[in-house]
Amino acid sequence: MPKIETFDAVGFWKNAYAHQRGKLLKKVNVPEDQIIALVNKKYMEIPAALRYDIETSGISKKELQ
């Protein structure tokens, strides 16, 4: 069974600026009004379902630079 590749979202979120966080949230199809509210929160304050979508989205850190 193949291993699911996950994105190190906790590490990215900790070291990213707001515009980089916003770019990540756009890639997982979060509405614009919610992005504004979420970019300044800590990663663990984001809803669990959204964290799961981010971690299993297959996004690479290079796409967000």
C-alpha atoms as a PDB file:
ATOM      1  CA  MET A   1       0.000   0.000   0.000  1.00  0.00           C
ATOM      2  CA  PRO A   2       1.545   3.361  -0.996  1.00  0.00           C
ATOM      3  CA  LYS A   3       2.248   5.892   1.693  1.00  0.00           C
ATOM      4  CA  ILE A   4       0.295   9.149   1.514  1.00  0.00           C
ATOM      5  CA  GLU A   5       2.650  12.085   1.050  1.00  0.00           C
ATOM      6  CA  THR A   6       1.947  14.846   3.545  1.00  0.00           C
ATOM      7  CA  PHE A   7       2.890  18.497   3.597  1.00  0.00           C
ATOM      8  CA  ASP A   8       4.735  19.839   6.670  1.00  0.00           C
ATOM      9  CA  ALA A   9       2.041  22.399   7.310  1.00  0.00           C
ATOM     10  CA  VAL A  10       2.974  23.093  10.940  1.00  0.00           C
ATOM     11  CA  GLY A  11       6.547  24.006  10.026  1.00  0.00           C
ATOM     12  CA  PHE A  12       5.443  26.031   7.012  1.00  0.00           C
ATOM     13  CA  TRP A  13       2.776  27.932   8.950  1.00  0.00           C
ATOM     14  CA  LYS A  14       5.204  28.792  11.745  1.00  0.00           C
ATOM     15  CA  ASN A  15       7.771  30.303   9.353  1.00  0.00           C
ATOM     16  CA  ALA A  16       5.489  31.810   6.686  1.00  0.00           C
ATOM     17  CA  TYR A  17       4.335  35.367   6.188  1.00  0.00           C
ATOM     18  CA  ALA A  18       0.630  36.156   5.863  1.00  0.00           C
ATOM     19  CA  HIS A  19       0.725  36.344   2.045  1.00  0.00           C
ATOM     20  CA  GLN A  20       2.341  32.880   1.884  1.00  0.00           C
ATOM     21  CA  ARG A  21      -0.305  31.487   4.221  1.00  0.00           C
ATOM     22  CA  GLY A  22      -2.987  33.071   2.051  1.00  0.00           C
ATOM     23  CA  LYS A  23      -1.511  31.466  -1.043  1.00  0.00           C
ATOM     24  CA  LEU A  24      -1.630  28.066   0.668  1.00  0.00           C
ATOM     25  CA  LEU A  25      -5.254  28.561   1.706  1.00  0.00           C
ATOM     26  CA  LYS A  26      -6.196  29.598  -1.857  1.00  0.00           C
ATOM     27  CA  LYS A  27      -4.671  26.359  -3.186  1.00  0.00           C
ATOM     28  CA  VAL A  28      -7.027  24.313  -0.983  1.00  0.00           C
ATOM     29  CA  ASN A  29     -10.043  26.374  -2.147  1.00  0.00           C
ATOM     30  CA  VAL A  30     -10.790  28.416   0.973  1.00  0.00           C
ATOM     31  CA  PRO A  31     -13.118  31.387   0.265  1.00  0.00           C
ATOM     32  CA  GLU A  32     -11.468  34.834   0.305  1.00  0.00           C
ATOM     33  CA  ASP A  33     -13.409  36.121   3.342  1.00  0.00           C
ATOM     34  CA  GLN A  34     -12.281  33.109   5.393  1.00  0.00           C
ATOM     35  CA  ILE A  35      -8.654  33.479   4.258  1.00  0.00           C
ATOM     36  CA  ILE A  36      -8.532  36.963   5.779  1.00  0.00           C
ATOM     37  CA  ALA A  37      -9.710  35.572   9.112  1.00  0.00           C
ATOM     38  CA  LEU A  38      -7.412  32.510   9.091  1.00  0.00           C
ATOM     39  CA  VAL A  39      -4.001  33.892   8.056  1.00  0.00           C
ATOM     40  CA  ASN A  40      -3.296  35.457  11.447  1.00  0.00           C
ATOM     41  CA  LYS A  41      -4.363  32.457  13.524  1.00  0.00           C
ATOM     42  CA  LYS A  42      -2.030  29.812  14.879  1.00  0.00           C
ATOM     43  CA  TYR A  43      -2.061  26.602  12.864  1.00  0.00           C
ATOM     44  CA  MET A  44      -3.701  24.579  15.628  1.00  0.00           C
ATOM     45  CA  GLU A  45      -6.573  27.112  15.803  1.00  0.00           C
ATOM     46  CA  ILE A  46      -7.583  26.282  12.223  1.00  0.00           C
ATOM     47  CA  PRO A  47     -10.444  23.741  11.949  1.00  0.00           C
ATOM     48  CA  ALA A  48      -9.278  20.122  11.865  1.00  0.00           C
ATOM     49  CA  ALA A  49     -10.913  19.377   8.508  1.00  0.00           C
ATOM     50  CA  LEU A  50      -9.035  22.257   6.877  1.00  0.00           C
ATOM     51  CA  ARG A  51      -5.735  21.156   8.448  1.00  0.00           C
ATOM     52  CA  TYR A  52      -6.305  17.668   7.019  1.00  0.00           C
ATOM     53  CA  ASP A  53      -6.991  19.118   3.552  1.00  0.00           C
ATOM     54  CA  ILE A  54      -3.790  21.172   3.711  1.00  0.00           C
ATOM     55  CA  GLU A  55      -1.618  18.294   4.882  1.00  0.00           C
ATOM     56  CA  THR A  56      -2.894  15.821   2.281  1.00  0.00           C
ATOM     57  CA  SER A  57      -3.225  18.248  -0.649  1.00  0.00           C
ATOM     58  CA  GLY A  58       0.069  17.262  -2.265  1.00  0.00           C
ATOM     59  CA  ILE A  59       1.271  20.864  -2.327  1.00  0.00           C
ATOM     60  CA  SER A  60       5.028  21.354  -2.179  1.00  0.00           C
ATOM     61  CA  LYS A  61       6.818  24.163  -0.378  1.00  0.00           C
ATOM     62  CA  LYS A  62       8.316  25.308  -3.704  1.00  0.00           C
ATOM     63  CA  GLU A  63       4.831  26.086  -5.049  1.00  0.00           C
ATOM     64  CA  LEU A  64       4.274  28.555  -2.223  1.00  0.00           C
ATOM     65  CA  GLN A  65       7.479  30.596  -2.490  1.00  0.00           C
END
